[in-house]
């Protein structure tokens, strides 16, 4: 198993993982591989963009409870801003959602 370099607990502790519910999903207008999500985390709704369109359709993502890296610095992807990152796991053939039944906005620890 090849791992990335070790980090200190303090580095990991800086990451704010939150539960989010996908309320809206659509294909990115300027990129075939990207999906644009509207994710509700507690009282806040954010746009998060992920390169997962080969594994998921927008329709199947709506209503999913996912884990979001909520304090990731925003960045533009093909002209649209993404304010977070949804966690996925690789299973060798495709990506799988990392999901939960916890309420959106809850912390993940």
PDB file of N, CA and C in Angstrom:
ATOM      1  N   UNK A   1       0.844  -1.180   0.000  1.00  0.00           N
ATOM      2  CA  UNK A   1       0.000   0.000   0.000  1.00  0.00           C
ATOM      3  C   UNK A   1       0.885   1.238   0.000  1.00  0.00           C
ATOM      4  N   UNK A   2       0.767   2.032  -1.034  1.00  0.00           N
ATOM      5  CA  UNK A   2       1.546   3.273  -1.106  1.00  0.00           C
ATOM      6  C   UNK A   2       0.713   4.419  -0.554  1.00  0.00           C
ATOM      7  N   UNK A   3       1.244   5.061   0.470  1.00  0.00           N
ATOM      8  CA  UNK A   3       0.552   6.168   1.119  1.00  0.00           C
ATOM      9  C   UNK A   3       1.245   7.485   0.821  1.00  0.00           C
ATOM     10  N   UNK A   4       0.490   8.553   0.920  1.00  0.00           N
ATOM     11  CA  UNK A   4       1.080   9.886   0.839  1.00  0.00           C
ATOM     12  C   UNK A   4       1.916  10.104   2.096  1.00  0.00           C
ATOM     13  N   UNK A   5       2.780  11.124   2.104  1.00  0.00           N
ATOM     14  CA  UNK A   5       3.608  11.372   3.289  1.00  0.00           C
ATOM     15  C   UNK A   5       2.754  11.574   4.544  1.00  0.00           C
ATOM     16  N   UNK A   6       3.293  11.131   5.691  1.00  0.00           N
ATOM     17  CA  UNK A   6       2.604  11.303   6.960  1.00  0.00           C
ATOM     18  C   UNK A   6       2.358  12.767   7.252  1.00  0.00           C
ATOM     19  N   UNK A   7       1.249  13.008   7.946  1.00  0.00           N
ATOM     20  CA  UNK A   7       0.951  14.357   8.424  1.00  0.00           C
ATOM     21  C   UNK A   7       0.773  14.286   9.937  1.00  0.00           C
ATOM     22  N   UNK A   8       0.875  15.411  10.566  1.00  0.00           N
ATOM     23  CA  UNK A   8       0.644  15.510  12.001  1.00  0.00           C
ATOM     24  C   UNK A   8      -0.856  15.604  12.263  1.00  0.00           C
ATOM     25  N   UNK A   9      -1.270  15.207  13.466  1.00  0.00           N
ATOM     26  CA  UNK A   9      -2.680  15.287  13.825  1.00  0.00           C
ATOM     27  C   UNK A   9      -3.196  16.712  13.671  1.00  0.00           C
ATOM     28  N   UNK A  10      -2.364  17.694  14.029  1.00  0.00           N
ATOM     29  CA  UNK A  10      -2.784  19.099  13.919  1.00  0.00           C
ATOM     30  C   UNK A  10      -3.126  19.468  12.478  1.00  0.00           C
ATOM     31  N   UNK A  11      -2.431  18.883  11.494  1.00  0.00           N
ATOM     32  CA  UNK A  11      -2.751  19.128  10.091  1.00  0.00           C
ATOM     33  C   UNK A  11      -4.131  18.561   9.758  1.00  0.00           C
ATOM     34  N   UNK A  12      -4.378  17.332  10.167  1.00  0.00           N
ATOM     35  CA  UNK A  12      -5.670  16.688   9.925  1.00  0.00           C
ATOM     36  C   UNK A  12      -6.796  17.436  10.625  1.00  0.00           C
ATOM     37  N   UNK A  13      -6.522  17.910  11.832  1.00  0.00           N
ATOM     38  CA  UNK A  13      -7.536  18.586  12.638  1.00  0.00           C
ATOM     39  C   UNK A  13      -7.997  19.907  12.012  1.00  0.00           C
ATOM     40  N   UNK A  14      -7.234  20.433  11.073  1.00  0.00           N
ATOM     41  CA  UNK A  14      -7.624  21.676  10.388  1.00  0.00           C
ATOM     42  C   UNK A  14      -8.766  21.457   9.399  1.00  0.00           C
ATOM     43  N   UNK A  15      -8.984  20.218   8.978  1.00  0.00           N
ATOM     44  CA  UNK A  15     -10.011  19.922   7.972  1.00  0.00           C
ATOM     45  C   UNK A  15     -11.375  19.860   8.641  1.00  0.00           C
ATOM     46  N   UNK A  16     -12.326  20.610   8.100  1.00  0.00           N
ATOM     47  CA  UNK A  16     -13.689  20.639   8.623  1.00  0.00           C
ATOM     48  C   UNK A  16     -14.573  19.784   7.713  1.00  0.00           C
ATOM     49  N   UNK A  17     -14.827  18.543   8.135  1.00  0.00           N
ATOM     50  CA  UNK A  17     -15.707  17.643   7.403  1.00  0.00           C
ATOM     51  C   UNK A  17     -17.129  17.864   7.898  1.00  0.00           C
ATOM     52  N   UNK A  18     -18.077  18.017   6.969  1.00  0.00           N
ATOM     53  CA  UNK A  18     -19.483  18.217   7.320  1.00  0.00           C
ATOM     54  C   UNK A  18     -20.370  17.316   6.484  1.00  0.00           C
ATOM     55  N   UNK A  19     -21.519  16.993   7.042  1.00  0.00           N
ATOM     56  CA  UNK A  19     -22.535  16.266   6.291  1.00  0.00           C
ATOM     57  C   UNK A  19     -23.275  17.271   5.428  1.00  0.00           C
ATOM     58  N   UNK A  20     -23.500  16.898   4.176  1.00  0.00           N
ATOM     59  CA  UNK A  20     -24.262  17.748   3.262  1.00  0.00           C
ATOM     60  C   UNK A  20     -25.281  16.920   2.504  1.00  0.00           C
ATOM     61  N   UNK A  21     -26.403  17.541   2.169  1.00  0.00           N
ATOM     62  CA  UNK A  21     -27.426  16.892   1.358  1.00  0.00           C
ATOM     63  C   UNK A  21     -27.429  17.544  -0.016  1.00  0.00           C
ATOM     64  N   UNK A  22     -27.307  16.737  -1.057  1.00  0.00           N
ATOM     65  CA  UNK A  22     -27.308  17.278  -2.419  1.00  0.00           C
ATOM     66  C   UNK A  22     -28.744  17.621  -2.805  1.00  0.00           C
ATOM     67  N   UNK A  23     -28.986  18.895  -3.031  1.00  0.00           N
ATOM     68  CA  UNK A  23     -30.321  19.396  -3.364  1.00  0.00           C
ATOM     69  C   UNK A  23     -30.524  19.547  -4.863  1.00  0.00           C
ATOM     70  N   UNK A  24     -29.432  19.794  -5.576  1.00  0.00           N
ATOM     71  CA  UNK A  24     -29.517  20.013  -7.024  1.00  0.00           C
ATOM     72  C   UNK A  24     -28.224  19.507  -7.640  1.00  0.00           C
ATOM     73  N   UNK A  25     -28.316  18.951  -8.834  1.00  0.00           N
ATOM     74  CA  UNK A  25     -27.123  18.471  -9.539  1.00  0.00           C
ATOM     75  C   UNK A  25     -27.352  18.647 -11.036  1.00  0.00           C
ATOM     76  N   UNK A  26     -26.313  19.100 -11.724  1.00  0.00           N
ATOM     77  CA  UNK A  26     -26.403  19.264 -13.172  1.00  0.00           C
ATOM     78  C   UNK A  26     -25.012  19.165 -13.780  1.00  0.00           C
ATOM     79  N   UNK A  27     -24.995  18.928 -15.070  1.00  0.00           N
ATOM     80  CA  UNK A  27     -23.710  18.889 -15.775  1.00  0.00           C
ATOM     81  C   UNK A  27     -23.148  20.305 -15.869  1.00  0.00           C
ATOM     82  N   UNK A  28     -21.844  20.392 -15.782  1.00  0.00           N
ATOM     83  CA  UNK A  28     -21.163  21.685 -15.933  1.00  0.00           C
ATOM     84  C   UNK A  28     -21.332  22.133 -17.379  1.00  0.00           C
ATOM     85  N   UNK A  29     -21.693  23.391 -17.610  1.00  0.00           N
ATOM     86  CA  UNK A  29     -21.923  23.842 -18.983  1.00  0.00           C
ATOM     87  C   UNK A  29     -20.669  23.891 -19.860  1.00  0.00           C
ATOM     88  N   UNK A  30     -19.480  23.900 -19.231  1.00  0.00           N
ATOM     89  CA  UNK A  30     -18.236  24.036 -19.991  1.00  0.00           C
ATOM     90  C   UNK A  30     -17.258  22.886 -19.802  1.00  0.00           C
ATOM     91  N   UNK A  31     -17.726  21.749 -19.248  1.00  0.00           N
ATOM     92  CA  UNK A  31     -16.812  20.625 -19.013  1.00  0.00           C
ATOM     93  C   UNK A  31     -17.598  19.325 -18.935  1.00  0.00           C
ATOM     94  N   UNK A  32     -17.222  18.361 -19.764  1.00  0.00           N
ATOM     95  CA  UNK A  32     -17.933  17.079 -19.803  1.00  0.00           C
ATOM     96  C   UNK A  32     -17.761  16.240 -18.542  1.00  0.00           C
ATOM     97  N   UNK A  33     -16.617  16.335 -17.881  1.00  0.00           N
ATOM     98  CA  UNK A  33     -16.331  15.468 -16.729  1.00  0.00           C
ATOM     99  C   UNK A  33     -16.874  16.000 -15.405  1.00  0.00           C
ATOM    100  N   UNK A  34     -17.290  17.265 -15.382  1.00  0.00           N
ATOM    101  CA  UNK A  34     -17.670  17.904 -14.126  1.00  0.00           C
ATOM    102  C   UNK A  34     -19.179  17.921 -13.906  1.00  0.00           C
ATOM    103  N   UNK A  35     -19.572  17.702 -12.645  1.00  0.00           N
ATOM    104  CA  UNK A  35     -20.953  17.906 -12.217  1.00  0.00           C
ATOM    105  C   UNK A  35     -20.969  19.049 -11.210  1.00  0.00           C
ATOM    106  N   UNK A  36     -22.025  19.856 -11.278  1.00  0.00           N
ATOM    107  CA  UNK A  36     -22.189  20.998 -10.389  1.00  0.00           C
ATOM    108  C   UNK A  36     -23.298  20.657  -9.399  1.00  0.00           C
ATOM    109  N   UNK A  37     -22.972  20.697  -8.116  1.00  0.00           N
ATOM    110  CA  UNK A  37     -23.919  20.338  -7.063  1.00  0.00           C
ATOM    111  C   UNK A  37     -24.284  21.548  -6.222  1.00  0.00           C
ATOM    112  N   UNK A  38     -25.535  21.581  -5.780  1.00  0.00           N
ATOM    113  CA  UNK A  38     -25.972  22.482  -4.736  1.00  0.00           C
ATOM    114  C   UNK A  38     -26.087  21.622  -3.494  1.00  0.00           C
ATOM    115  N   UNK A  39     -25.276  21.909  -2.480  1.00  0.00           N
ATOM    116  CA  UNK A  39     -25.200  21.079  -1.289  1.00  0.00           C
ATOM    117  C   UNK A  39     -25.656  21.880  -0.071  1.00  0.00           C
ATOM    118  N   UNK A  40     -26.635  21.343   0.657  1.00  0.00           N
ATOM    119  CA  UNK A  40     -27.136  21.979   1.876  1.00  0.00           C
ATOM    120  C   UNK A  40     -26.376  21.414   3.063  1.00  0.00           C
ATOM    121  N   UNK A  41     -25.744  22.322   3.819  1.00  0.00           N
ATOM    122  CA  UNK A  41     -25.046  21.955   5.044  1.00  0.00           C
ATOM    123  C   UNK A  41     -25.643  22.800   6.157  1.00  0.00           C
ATOM    124  N   UNK A  42     -26.583  22.230   6.890  1.00  0.00           N
ATOM    125  CA  UNK A  42     -27.264  23.003   7.936  1.00  0.00           C
ATOM    126  C   UNK A  42     -28.078  24.111   7.298  1.00  0.00           C
ATOM    127  N   UNK A  43     -27.782  25.358   7.661  1.00  0.00           N
ATOM    128  CA  UNK A  43     -28.533  26.504   7.127  1.00  0.00           C
ATOM    129  C   UNK A  43     -27.890  27.083   5.869  1.00  0.00           C
ATOM    130  N   UNK A  44     -26.778  26.535   5.454  1.00  0.00           N
ATOM    131  CA  UNK A  44     -26.037  27.071   4.306  1.00  0.00           C
ATOM    132  C   UNK A  44     -26.165  26.162   3.085  1.00  0.00           C
ATOM    133  N   UNK A  45     -26.290  26.788   1.918  1.00  0.00           N
ATOM    134  CA  UNK A  45     -26.280  26.045   0.656  1.00  0.00           C
ATOM    135  C   UNK A  45     -25.071  26.516  -0.142  1.00  0.00           C
ATOM    136  N   UNK A  46     -24.279  25.533  -0.622  1.00  0.00           N
ATOM    137  CA  UNK A  46     -23.057  25.854  -1.367  1.00  0.00           C
ATOM    138  C   UNK A  46     -23.039  25.148  -2.706  1.00  0.00           C
ATOM    139  N   UNK A  47     -22.284  25.733  -3.610  1.00  0.00           N
ATOM    140  CA  UNK A  47     -22.008  25.090  -4.890  1.00  0.00           C
ATOM    141  C   UNK A  47     -20.693  24.334  -4.761  1.00  0.00           C
ATOM    142  N   UNK A  48     -20.725  23.058  -5.103  1.00  0.00           N
ATOM    143  CA  UNK A  48     -19.534  22.216  -5.087  1.00  0.00           C
ATOM    144  C   UNK A  48     -19.450  21.522  -6.441  1.00  0.00           C
ATOM    145  N   UNK A  49     -18.274  21.539  -7.046  1.00  0.00           N
ATOM    146  CA  UNK A  49     -18.075  20.949  -8.366  1.00  0.00           C
ATOM    147  C   UNK A  49     -17.137  19.758  -8.232  1.00  0.00           C
ATOM    148  N   UNK A  50     -17.527  18.646  -8.850  1.00  0.00           N
ATOM    149  CA  UNK A  50     -16.732  17.417  -8.778  1.00  0.00           C
ATOM    150  C   UNK A  50     -16.583  16.796 -10.155  1.00  0.00           C
ATOM    151  N   UNK A  51     -15.432  16.201 -10.421  1.00  0.00           N
ATOM    152  CA  UNK A  51     -15.163  15.528 -11.693  1.00  0.00           C
ATOM    153  C   UNK A  51     -15.614  14.082 -11.671  1.00  0.00           C
ATOM    154  N   UNK A  52     -16.917  13.858 -11.559  1.00  0.00           N
ATOM    155  CA  UNK A  52     -17.448  12.507 -11.365  1.00  0.00           C
ATOM    156  C   UNK A  52     -18.514  12.102 -12.384  1.00  0.00           C
ATOM    157  N   UNK A  53     -18.635  12.826 -13.473  1.00  0.00           N
ATOM    158  CA  UNK A  53     -19.740  12.551 -14.401  1.00  0.00           C
ATOM    159  C   UNK A  53     -19.627  11.202 -15.110  1.00  0.00           C
ATOM    160  N   UNK A  54     -18.443  10.594 -15.138  1.00  0.00           N
ATOM    161  CA  UNK A  54     -18.341   9.260 -15.770  1.00  0.00           C
ATOM    162  C   UNK A  54     -18.932   8.174 -14.871  1.00  0.00           C
ATOM    163  N   UNK A  55     -19.048   8.461 -13.571  1.00  0.00           N
ATOM    164  CA  UNK A  55     -19.557   7.477 -12.620  1.00  0.00           C
ATOM    165  C   UNK A  55     -20.975   7.767 -12.111  1.00  0.00           C
ATOM    166  N   UNK A  56     -21.423   9.003 -12.231  1.00  0.00           N
ATOM    167  CA  UNK A  56     -22.722   9.380 -11.688  1.00  0.00           C
ATOM    168  C   UNK A  56     -23.480  10.294 -12.648  1.00  0.00           C
ATOM    169  N   UNK A  57     -24.794  10.159 -12.651  1.00  0.00           N
ATOM    170  CA  UNK A  57     -25.646  11.105 -13.375  1.00  0.00           C
ATOM    171  C   UNK A  57     -26.135  12.141 -12.372  1.00  0.00           C
ATOM    172  N   UNK A  58     -26.462  13.330 -12.830  1.00  0.00           N
ATOM    173  CA  UNK A  58     -26.991  14.329 -11.898  1.00  0.00           C
ATOM    174  C   UNK A  58     -28.239  13.836 -11.158  1.00  0.00           C
ATOM    175  N   UNK A  59     -29.112  13.146 -11.871  1.00  0.00           N
ATOM    176  CA  UNK A  59     -30.377  12.701 -11.290  1.00  0.00           C
ATOM    177  C   UNK A  59     -30.181  11.744 -10.109  1.00  0.00           C
ATOM    178  N   UNK A  60     -29.218  10.844 -10.194  1.00  0.00           N
ATOM    179  CA  UNK A  60     -29.024   9.870  -9.119  1.00  0.00           C
ATOM    180  C   UNK A  60     -28.362  10.478  -7.883  1.00  0.00           C
ATOM    181  N   UNK A  61     -27.816  11.685  -7.996  1.00  0.00           N
ATOM    182  CA  UNK A  61     -27.128  12.308  -6.874  1.00  0.00           C
ATOM    183  C   UNK A  61     -28.062  13.107  -5.965  1.00  0.00           C
ATOM    184  N   UNK A  62     -29.190  13.529  -6.486  1.00  0.00           N
ATOM    185  CA  UNK A  62     -30.102  14.370  -5.715  1.00  0.00           C
ATOM    186  C   UNK A  62     -30.630  13.602  -4.508  1.00  0.00           C
ATOM    187  N   UNK A  63     -30.553  14.259  -3.345  1.00  0.00           N
ATOM    188  CA  UNK A  63     -31.027  13.668  -2.100  1.00  0.00           C
ATOM    189  C   UNK A  63     -29.985  12.879  -1.339  1.00  0.00           C
ATOM    190  N   UNK A  64     -28.816  12.645  -1.935  1.00  0.00           N
ATOM    191  CA  UNK A  64     -27.763  11.870  -1.263  1.00  0.00           C
ATOM    192  C   UNK A  64     -27.152  12.695  -0.130  1.00  0.00           C
ATOM    193  N   UNK A  65     -26.884  12.022   0.985  1.00  0.00           N
ATOM    194  CA  UNK A  65     -26.180  12.653   2.101  1.00  0.00           C
ATOM    195  C   UNK A  65     -24.717  12.283   1.974  1.00  0.00           C
ATOM    196  N   UNK A  66     -23.878  13.300   1.855  1.00  0.00           N
ATOM    197  CA  UNK A  66     -22.468  13.098   1.537  1.00  0.00           C
ATOM    198  C   UNK A  66     -21.586  13.775   2.585  1.00  0.00           C
ATOM    199  N   UNK A  67     -20.300  13.471   2.513  1.00  0.00           N
ATOM    200  CA  UNK A  67     -19.313  14.107   3.377  1.00  0.00           C
ATOM    201  C   UNK A  67     -18.587  15.167   2.545  1.00  0.00           C
ATOM    202  N   UNK A  68     -18.528  16.377   3.094  1.00  0.00           N
ATOM    203  CA  UNK A  68     -17.952  17.523   2.386  1.00  0.00           C
ATOM    204  C   UNK A  68     -16.769  18.076   3.177  1.00  0.00           C
ATOM    205  N   UNK A  69     -15.679  18.382   2.471  1.00  0.00           N
ATOM    206  CA  UNK A  69     -14.601  19.169   3.071  1.00  0.00           C
ATOM    207  C   UNK A  69     -15.081  20.612   2.955  1.00  0.00           C
ATOM    208  N   UNK A  70     -15.556  21.149   4.086  1.00  0.00           N
ATOM    209  CA  UNK A  70     -16.273  22.418   4.064  1.00  0.00           C
ATOM    210  C   UNK A  70     -15.362  23.642   4.119  1.00  0.00           C
ATOM    211  N   UNK A  71     -14.148  23.495   4.605  1.00  0.00           N
ATOM    212  CA  UNK A  71     -13.272  24.662   4.731  1.00  0.00           C
ATOM    213  C   UNK A  71     -12.153  24.683   3.689  1.00  0.00           C
ATOM    214  N   UNK A  72     -12.353  23.981   2.589  1.00  0.00           N
ATOM    215  CA  UNK A  72     -11.394  24.033   1.491  1.00  0.00           C
ATOM    216  C   UNK A  72     -11.491  25.399   0.813  1.00  0.00           C
ATOM    217  N   UNK A  73     -10.364  25.991   0.518  1.00  0.00           N
ATOM    218  CA  UNK A  73     -10.348  27.299  -0.142  1.00  0.00           C
ATOM    219  C   UNK A  73     -11.110  27.203  -1.461  1.00  0.00           C
ATOM    220  N   UNK A  74     -12.054  28.127  -1.726  1.00  0.00           N
ATOM    221  CA  UNK A  74     -12.809  28.093  -2.988  1.00  0.00           C
ATOM    222  C   UNK A  74     -11.881  28.213  -4.192  1.00  0.00           C
ATOM    223  N   UNK A  75     -12.297  27.553  -5.293  1.00  0.00           N
ATOM    224  CA  UNK A  75     -11.534  27.687  -6.537  1.00  0.00           C
ATOM    225  C   UNK A  75     -12.478  27.610  -7.724  1.00  0.00           C
ATOM    226  N   UNK A  76     -12.050  28.226  -8.810  1.00  0.00           N
ATOM    227  CA  UNK A  76     -12.852  28.222 -10.033  1.00  0.00           C
ATOM    228  C   UNK A  76     -12.495  27.013 -10.873  1.00  0.00           C
ATOM    229  N   UNK A  77     -13.519  26.331 -11.352  1.00  0.00           N
ATOM    230  CA  UNK A  77     -13.355  25.194 -12.250  1.00  0.00           C
ATOM    231  C   UNK A  77     -14.144  25.487 -13.521  1.00  0.00           C
ATOM    232  N   UNK A  78     -13.418  25.766 -14.569  1.00  0.00           N
ATOM    233  CA  UNK A  78     -14.032  26.092 -15.861  1.00  0.00           C
ATOM    234  C   UNK A  78     -15.047  27.237 -15.738  1.00  0.00           C
ATOM    235  N   UNK A  79     -14.679  28.259 -14.953  1.00  0.00           N
ATOM    236  CA  UNK A  79     -15.494  29.460 -14.854  1.00  0.00           C
ATOM    237  C   UNK A  79     -16.510  29.479 -13.731  1.00  0.00           C
ATOM    238  N   UNK A  80     -16.727  28.362 -13.037  1.00  0.00           N
ATOM    239  CA  UNK A  80     -17.668  28.322 -11.916  1.00  0.00           C
ATOM    240  C   UNK A  80     -16.914  28.065 -10.619  1.00  0.00           C
ATOM    241  N   UNK A  81     -17.365  28.716  -9.544  1.00  0.00           N
ATOM    242  CA  UNK A  81     -16.691  28.563  -8.258  1.00  0.00           C
ATOM    243  C   UNK A  81     -17.193  27.343  -7.498  1.00  0.00           C
ATOM    244  N   UNK A  82     -16.250  26.593  -6.953  1.00  0.00           N
ATOM    245  CA  UNK A  82     -16.543  25.450  -6.100  1.00  0.00           C
ATOM    246  C   UNK A  82     -16.121  25.800  -4.687  1.00  0.00           C
ATOM    247  N   UNK A  83     -17.049  25.607  -3.722  1.00  0.00           N
ATOM    248  CA  UNK A  83     -16.778  25.971  -2.324  1.00  0.00           C
ATOM    249  C   UNK A  83     -16.805  24.722  -1.445  1.00  0.00           C
ATOM    250  N   UNK A  84     -15.915  23.781  -1.736  1.00  0.00           N
ATOM    251  CA  UNK A  84     -15.818  22.570  -0.955  1.00  0.00           C
ATOM    252  C   UNK A  84     -15.460  21.394  -1.835  1.00  0.00           C
ATOM    253  N   UNK A  85     -15.413  20.211  -1.217  1.00  0.00           N
ATOM    254  CA  UNK A  85     -15.100  18.987  -1.950  1.00  0.00           C
ATOM    255  C   UNK A  85     -15.922  17.852  -1.353  1.00  0.00           C
ATOM    256  N   UNK A  86     -16.593  17.103  -2.207  1.00  0.00           N
ATOM    257  CA  UNK A  86     -17.342  15.926  -1.779  1.00  0.00           C
ATOM    258  C   UNK A  86     -16.396  14.732  -1.781  1.00  0.00           C
ATOM    259  N   UNK A  87     -16.449  13.902  -0.730  1.00  0.00           N
ATOM    260  CA  UNK A  87     -15.567  12.742  -0.648  1.00  0.00           C
ATOM    261  C   UNK A  87     -16.151  11.554  -1.400  1.00  0.00           C
ATOM    262  N   UNK A  88     -15.294  10.889  -2.157  1.00  0.00           N
ATOM    263  CA  UNK A  88     -15.619   9.674  -2.884  1.00  0.00           C
ATOM    264  C   UNK A  88     -14.524   8.662  -2.587  1.00  0.00           C
ATOM    265  N   UNK A  89     -14.833   7.385  -2.750  1.00  0.00           N
ATOM    266  CA  UNK A  89     -13.847   6.319  -2.583  1.00  0.00           C
ATOM    267  C   UNK A  89     -13.734   5.571  -3.904  1.00  0.00           C
ATOM    268  N   UNK A  90     -12.528   5.159  -4.252  1.00  0.00           N
ATOM    269  CA  UNK A  90     -12.326   4.362  -5.458  1.00  0.00           C
ATOM    270  C   UNK A  90     -12.498   2.887  -5.118  1.00  0.00           C
ATOM    271  N   UNK A  91     -13.198   2.143  -5.979  1.00  0.00           N
ATOM    272  CA  UNK A  91     -13.339   0.707  -5.739  1.00  0.00           C
ATOM    273  C   UNK A  91     -12.638  -0.112  -6.822  1.00  0.00           C
ATOM    274  N   UNK A  92     -11.838   0.538  -7.631  1.00  0.00           N
ATOM    275  CA  UNK A  92     -11.113  -0.153  -8.690  1.00  0.00           C
ATOM    276  C   UNK A  92     -11.769  -0.004 -10.047  1.00  0.00           C
ATOM    277  N   UNK A  93     -13.085   0.076 -10.061  1.00  0.00           N
ATOM    278  CA  UNK A  93     -13.811   0.212 -11.316  1.00  0.00           C
ATOM    279  C   UNK A  93     -14.457   1.583 -11.469  1.00  0.00           C
ATOM    280  N   UNK A  94     -14.906   2.123 -10.355  1.00  0.00           N
ATOM    281  CA  UNK A  94     -15.595   3.415 -10.389  1.00  0.00           C
ATOM    282  C   UNK A  94     -15.491   4.068  -9.024  1.00  0.00           C
ATOM    283  N   UNK A  95     -15.942   5.297  -8.947  1.00  0.00           N
ATOM    284  CA  UNK A  95     -15.993   5.991  -7.665  1.00  0.00           C
ATOM    285  C   UNK A  95     -17.273   5.611  -6.930  1.00  0.00           C
ATOM    286  N   UNK A  96     -17.205   5.616  -5.614  1.00  0.00           N
ATOM    287  CA  UNK A  96     -18.373   5.370  -4.768  1.00  0.00           C
ATOM    288  C   UNK A  96     -18.512   6.547  -3.818  1.00  0.00           C
ATOM    289  N   UNK A  97     -19.746   6.907  -3.511  1.00  0.00           N
ATOM    290  CA  UNK A  97     -19.989   7.976  -2.552  1.00  0.00           C
ATOM    291  C   UNK A  97     -19.630   7.533  -1.145  1.00  0.00           C
ATOM    292  N   UNK A  98     -19.077   8.459  -0.379  1.00  0.00           N
ATOM    293  CA  UNK A  98     -18.910   8.254   1.053  1.00  0.00           C
ATOM    294  C   UNK A  98     -20.142   8.908   1.673  1.00  0.00           C
ATOM    295  N   UNK A  99     -21.051   8.091   2.217  1.00  0.00           N
ATOM    296  CA  UNK A  99     -22.348   8.603   2.670  1.00  0.00           C
ATOM    297  C   UNK A  99     -22.553   8.385   4.163  1.00  0.00           C
ATOM    298  N   UNK A 100     -23.646   8.952   4.662  1.00  0.00           N
ATOM    299  CA  UNK A 100     -24.020   8.850   6.059  1.00  0.00           C
ATOM    300  C   UNK A 100     -25.530   9.040   6.180  1.00  0.00           C
ATOM    301  N   UNK A 101     -26.051   8.749   7.354  1.00  0.00           N
ATOM    302  CA  UNK A 101     -27.457   9.034   7.630  1.00  0.00           C
ATOM    303  C   UNK A 101     -27.589  10.208   8.601  1.00  0.00           C
ATOM    304  N   UNK A 102     -26.463  10.785   9.013  1.00  0.00           N
ATOM    305  CA  UNK A 102     -26.475  11.927   9.938  1.00  0.00           C
ATOM    306  C   UNK A 102     -27.122  13.136   9.254  1.00  0.00           C
ATOM    307  N   UNK A 103     -27.565  14.082  10.069  1.00  0.00           N
ATOM    308  CA  UNK A 103     -28.225  15.287   9.552  1.00  0.00           C
ATOM    309  C   UNK A 103     -27.226  16.209   8.859  1.00  0.00           C
ATOM    310  N   UNK A 104     -27.694  16.890   7.795  1.00  0.00           N
ATOM    311  CA  UNK A 104     -26.790  17.794   7.099  1.00  0.00           C
ATOM    312  C   UNK A 104     -26.384  18.942   8.036  1.00  0.00           C
ATOM    313  N   UNK A 105     -25.133  19.340   7.883  1.00  0.00           N
ATOM    314  CA  UNK A 105     -24.536  20.365   8.735  1.00  0.00           C
ATOM    315  C   UNK A 105     -23.750  19.778   9.899  1.00  0.00           C
ATOM    316  N   UNK A 106     -24.025  18.511  10.263  1.00  0.00           N
ATOM    317  CA  UNK A 106     -23.303  17.886  11.378  1.00  0.00           C
ATOM    318  C   UNK A 106     -21.824  17.741  11.049  1.00  0.00           C
ATOM    319  N   UNK A 107     -21.005  17.846  12.093  1.00  0.00           N
ATOM    320  CA  UNK A 107     -19.577  17.620  11.952  1.00  0.00           C
ATOM    321  C   UNK A 107     -19.291  16.133  11.793  1.00  0.00           C
ATOM    322  N   UNK A 108     -18.240  15.837  11.052  1.00  0.00           N
ATOM    323  CA  UNK A 108     -17.760  14.465  10.904  1.00  0.00           C
ATOM    324  C   UNK A 108     -16.410  14.431  11.589  1.00  0.00           C
ATOM    325  N   UNK A 109     -16.239  13.453  12.486  1.00  0.00           N
ATOM    326  CA  UNK A 109     -14.962  13.385  13.190  1.00  0.00           C
ATOM    327  C   UNK A 109     -14.389  11.987  13.138  1.00  0.00           C
TER     328      UNK A 109
END
